[in-house]
Amino acid sequence: MEAETRQASLKKSKYNIIVGSFITPEYAKNLAETYREQGYDTKIFKMEGSNFELVSAESHESLRKAISRLQQFQDTVEIDAWMYIRE
């Protein structure tokens, strides 16, 4: 049941603010934990068509909200953050 709920949540969260991408899963886990400790709702998922694991600090359903938050995030938390759109 929990896996189904998580999968549904991932599908709803189309726009993701990415703070890191790694081939080594342990690096992704470590970065996700760092952001989780700062209060972010981190997620790790595979980038489609690659071996990279992406670390998302925030996910949003609305493109407008995601763009706004990405700009704030780049200004105050991580200048190299970027957006990944999941279909």
N, C-alpha and C. Protein backbone atom coordinates (compact mmCIF):
# COMPACT_ATOMS: atom_id res chain seq x y z
N MET A 1 0.82 -1.20 0.00
CA MET A 1 0.00 0.00 0.00
C MET A 1 0.87 1.26 0.00
N GLU A 2 1.90 1.29 0.85
CA GLU A 2 2.76 2.46 0.93
C GLU A 2 3.47 2.71 -0.40
N ALA A 3 3.91 1.67 -1.07
CA ALA A 3 4.58 1.81 -2.37
C ALA A 3 3.62 2.40 -3.40
N GLU A 4 2.35 1.99 -3.37
CA GLU A 4 1.36 2.52 -4.31
C GLU A 4 1.11 4.00 -4.05
N THR A 5 1.03 4.38 -2.79
CA THR A 5 0.83 5.78 -2.43
C THR A 5 2.02 6.62 -2.87
N ARG A 6 3.22 6.10 -2.66
CA ARG A 6 4.42 6.83 -3.06
C ARG A 6 4.47 6.97 -4.57
N GLN A 7 4.14 5.93 -5.29
CA GLN A 7 4.13 5.97 -6.76
C GLN A 7 3.11 7.00 -7.25
N ALA A 8 1.96 7.05 -6.65
CA ALA A 8 0.94 8.03 -7.03
C ALA A 8 1.44 9.44 -6.75
N SER A 9 2.12 9.62 -5.63
CA SER A 9 2.68 10.92 -5.27
C SER A 9 3.74 11.34 -6.29
N LEU A 10 4.57 10.42 -6.70
CA LEU A 10 5.60 10.73 -7.69
C LEU A 10 4.97 11.14 -9.02
N LYS A 11 3.90 10.46 -9.41
CA LYS A 11 3.24 10.78 -10.66
C LYS A 11 2.60 12.16 -10.60
N LYS A 12 2.02 12.52 -9.44
CA LYS A 12 1.39 13.83 -9.28
C LYS A 12 2.42 14.95 -9.32
N SER A 13 3.60 14.67 -8.82
CA SER A 13 4.63 15.69 -8.71
C SER A 13 5.46 15.73 -9.99
N LYS A 14 4.94 16.38 -10.97
CA LYS A 14 5.54 16.39 -12.30
C LYS A 14 6.80 17.26 -12.37
N TYR A 15 6.81 18.39 -11.66
CA TYR A 15 7.90 19.34 -11.75
C TYR A 15 8.79 19.24 -10.51
N ASN A 16 10.04 18.89 -10.72
CA ASN A 16 10.95 18.58 -9.61
C ASN A 16 12.16 19.51 -9.61
N ILE A 17 12.47 20.07 -8.45
CA ILE A 17 13.66 20.90 -8.29
C ILE A 17 14.81 19.96 -7.92
N ILE A 18 15.77 19.86 -8.84
CA ILE A 18 16.87 18.91 -8.70
C ILE A 18 18.09 19.62 -8.12
N VAL A 19 18.67 19.00 -7.08
CA VAL A 19 19.85 19.56 -6.43
C VAL A 19 21.09 18.70 -6.65
N GLY A 20 20.92 17.54 -7.27
CA GLY A 20 22.06 16.69 -7.56
C GLY A 20 21.68 15.53 -8.44
N SER A 21 22.64 15.04 -9.21
CA SER A 21 22.43 13.85 -10.03
C SER A 21 23.69 12.99 -9.95
N PHE A 22 23.49 11.72 -9.69
CA PHE A 22 24.62 10.83 -9.41
C PHE A 22 24.42 9.47 -10.06
N ILE A 23 25.53 8.86 -10.46
CA ILE A 23 25.50 7.47 -10.91
C ILE A 23 25.62 6.55 -9.69
N THR A 24 26.32 7.03 -8.66
CA THR A 24 26.53 6.25 -7.43
C THR A 24 25.34 6.48 -6.48
N PRO A 25 24.53 5.45 -6.25
CA PRO A 25 23.34 5.62 -5.39
C PRO A 25 23.64 6.15 -3.99
N GLU A 26 24.78 5.77 -3.42
CA GLU A 26 25.12 6.21 -2.07
C GLU A 26 25.28 7.74 -2.01
N TYR A 27 25.83 8.33 -3.06
CA TYR A 27 25.98 9.79 -3.11
C TYR A 27 24.61 10.46 -3.13
N ALA A 28 23.70 9.89 -3.90
CA ALA A 28 22.35 10.43 -3.98
C ALA A 28 21.67 10.36 -2.60
N LYS A 29 21.81 9.22 -1.94
CA LYS A 29 21.21 9.05 -0.60
C LYS A 29 21.76 10.05 0.39
N ASN A 30 23.08 10.27 0.35
CA ASN A 30 23.71 11.21 1.27
C ASN A 30 23.22 12.64 1.05
N LEU A 31 23.13 13.06 -0.21
CA LEU A 31 22.65 14.42 -0.49
C LEU A 31 21.18 14.57 -0.11
N ALA A 32 20.39 13.56 -0.41
CA ALA A 32 18.97 13.60 -0.04
C ALA A 32 18.82 13.74 1.46
N GLU A 33 19.62 13.03 2.21
CA GLU A 33 19.54 13.11 3.68
C GLU A 33 19.93 14.51 4.17
N THR A 34 20.93 15.11 3.55
CA THR A 34 21.36 16.47 3.91
C THR A 34 20.20 17.45 3.74
N TYR A 35 19.51 17.37 2.62
CA TYR A 35 18.38 18.28 2.38
C TYR A 35 17.18 17.92 3.25
N ARG A 36 16.97 16.64 3.52
CA ARG A 36 15.88 16.21 4.40
C ARG A 36 16.08 16.80 5.79
N GLU A 37 17.33 16.81 6.27
CA GLU A 37 17.64 17.37 7.59
C GLU A 37 17.36 18.87 7.64
N GLN A 38 17.37 19.52 6.48
CA GLN A 38 17.07 20.96 6.40
C GLN A 38 15.57 21.21 6.24
N GLY A 39 14.78 20.14 6.21
CA GLY A 39 13.33 20.28 6.17
C GLY A 39 12.69 20.10 4.80
N TYR A 40 13.47 19.70 3.81
CA TYR A 40 12.91 19.50 2.46
C TYR A 40 12.33 18.10 2.31
N ASP A 41 11.35 17.98 1.44
CA ASP A 41 10.69 16.70 1.15
C ASP A 41 11.41 16.04 -0.03
N THR A 42 12.59 15.51 0.26
CA THR A 42 13.44 14.98 -0.81
C THR A 42 12.92 13.67 -1.38
N LYS A 43 13.24 13.48 -2.65
CA LYS A 43 12.92 12.23 -3.34
C LYS A 43 14.11 11.88 -4.23
N ILE A 44 14.32 10.60 -4.42
CA ILE A 44 15.35 10.13 -5.35
C ILE A 44 14.65 9.29 -6.40
N PHE A 45 14.96 9.55 -7.66
CA PHE A 45 14.40 8.72 -8.72
C PHE A 45 15.36 8.67 -9.90
N LYS A 46 15.20 7.65 -10.71
CA LYS A 46 16.05 7.46 -11.89
C LYS A 46 15.64 8.42 -13.00
N MET A 47 16.63 9.01 -13.65
CA MET A 47 16.36 9.82 -14.83
C MET A 47 16.09 8.86 -15.97
N GLU A 48 14.97 9.07 -16.65
CA GLU A 48 14.59 8.17 -17.74
C GLU A 48 15.67 8.14 -18.80
N GLY A 49 16.02 6.91 -19.24
CA GLY A 49 16.99 6.74 -20.30
C GLY A 49 18.44 6.89 -19.88
N SER A 50 18.71 6.87 -18.57
CA SER A 50 20.10 7.01 -18.11
C SER A 50 20.31 6.20 -16.83
N ASN A 51 21.55 6.19 -16.37
CA ASN A 51 21.89 5.53 -15.11
C ASN A 51 21.92 6.49 -13.94
N PHE A 52 21.58 7.75 -14.18
CA PHE A 52 21.65 8.76 -13.13
C PHE A 52 20.45 8.70 -12.19
N GLU A 53 20.75 8.89 -10.91
CA GLU A 53 19.71 9.06 -9.90
C GLU A 53 19.65 10.54 -9.58
N LEU A 54 18.45 11.10 -9.64
CA LEU A 54 18.25 12.53 -9.38
C LEU A 54 17.77 12.73 -7.96
N VAL A 55 18.28 13.75 -7.31
CA VAL A 55 17.84 14.12 -5.97
C VAL A 55 16.98 15.37 -6.09
N SER A 56 15.71 15.22 -5.76
CA SER A 56 14.74 16.31 -5.82
C SER A 56 14.51 16.85 -4.41
N ALA A 57 14.70 18.16 -4.25
CA ALA A 57 14.45 18.78 -2.94
C ALA A 57 12.98 19.11 -2.77
N GLU A 58 12.32 19.43 -3.87
CA GLU A 58 10.89 19.77 -3.86
C GLU A 58 10.26 19.28 -5.15
N SER A 59 8.98 18.97 -5.06
CA SER A 59 8.20 18.58 -6.24
C SER A 59 6.90 19.38 -6.24
N HIS A 60 6.44 19.72 -7.44
CA HIS A 60 5.22 20.53 -7.56
C HIS A 60 4.36 20.03 -8.70
N GLU A 61 3.06 20.21 -8.57
CA GLU A 61 2.12 19.84 -9.62
C GLU A 61 1.96 20.97 -10.63
N SER A 62 2.16 22.20 -10.19
CA SER A 62 1.96 23.39 -11.02
C SER A 62 3.29 23.90 -11.58
N LEU A 63 3.35 24.11 -12.89
CA LEU A 63 4.56 24.64 -13.52
C LEU A 63 4.86 26.04 -12.98
N ARG A 64 3.84 26.86 -12.84
CA ARG A 64 4.04 28.22 -12.34
C ARG A 64 4.67 28.21 -10.95
N LYS A 65 4.15 27.38 -10.06
CA LYS A 65 4.68 27.28 -8.70
C LYS A 65 6.12 26.74 -8.73
N ALA A 66 6.36 25.76 -9.58
CA ALA A 66 7.70 25.16 -9.66
C ALA A 66 8.73 26.18 -10.15
N ILE A 67 8.38 26.98 -11.14
CA ILE A 67 9.31 27.99 -11.65
C ILE A 67 9.61 29.03 -10.58
N SER A 68 8.57 29.47 -9.88
CA SER A 68 8.74 30.44 -8.81
C SER A 68 9.66 29.90 -7.71
N ARG A 69 9.40 28.68 -7.29
CA ARG A 69 10.21 28.05 -6.23
C ARG A 69 11.63 27.79 -6.70
N LEU A 70 11.81 27.41 -7.96
CA LEU A 70 13.16 27.17 -8.48
C LEU A 70 13.97 28.46 -8.42
N GLN A 71 13.37 29.57 -8.83
CA GLN A 71 14.09 30.85 -8.79
C GLN A 71 14.48 31.21 -7.35
N GLN A 72 13.54 31.03 -6.42
CA GLN A 72 13.84 31.31 -5.00
C GLN A 72 14.94 30.37 -4.50
N PHE A 73 14.83 29.12 -4.89
CA PHE A 73 15.79 28.10 -4.46
C PHE A 73 17.19 28.44 -4.96
N GLN A 74 17.29 28.84 -6.24
CA GLN A 74 18.59 29.20 -6.82
C GLN A 74 19.17 30.44 -6.14
N ASP A 75 18.32 31.36 -5.74
CA ASP A 75 18.78 32.59 -5.09
C ASP A 75 19.23 32.38 -3.65
N THR A 76 18.64 31.41 -2.96
CA THR A 76 18.88 31.30 -1.52
C THR A 76 19.50 29.98 -1.05
N VAL A 77 19.38 28.90 -1.83
CA VAL A 77 19.83 27.60 -1.34
C VAL A 77 20.91 27.00 -2.22
N GLU A 78 20.62 26.81 -3.49
CA GLU A 78 21.54 26.12 -4.40
C GLU A 78 21.45 26.74 -5.78
N ILE A 79 22.45 27.52 -6.13
CA ILE A 79 22.44 28.24 -7.40
C ILE A 79 22.37 27.31 -8.61
N ASP A 80 22.92 26.09 -8.49
CA ASP A 80 22.95 25.15 -9.60
C ASP A 80 21.72 24.23 -9.68
N ALA A 81 20.72 24.50 -8.86
CA ALA A 81 19.48 23.69 -8.92
C ALA A 81 18.83 23.86 -10.29
N TRP A 82 18.14 22.83 -10.72
CA TRP A 82 17.46 22.87 -12.03
C TRP A 82 16.17 22.09 -11.96
N MET A 83 15.35 22.22 -12.98
CA MET A 83 14.04 21.56 -12.97
C MET A 83 14.04 20.35 -13.90
N TYR A 84 13.47 19.28 -13.41
CA TYR A 84 13.27 18.06 -14.21
C TYR A 84 11.78 17.82 -14.27
N ILE A 85 11.27 17.66 -15.49
CA ILE A 85 9.83 17.45 -15.66
C ILE A 85 9.59 15.98 -15.97
N ARG A 86 8.83 15.34 -15.09
CA ARG A 86 8.50 13.92 -15.27
C ARG A 86 7.17 13.82 -15.99
N GLU A 87 7.15 13.01 -17.00
CA GLU A 87 5.91 12.79 -17.77
C GLU A 87 5.05 11.74 -17.11
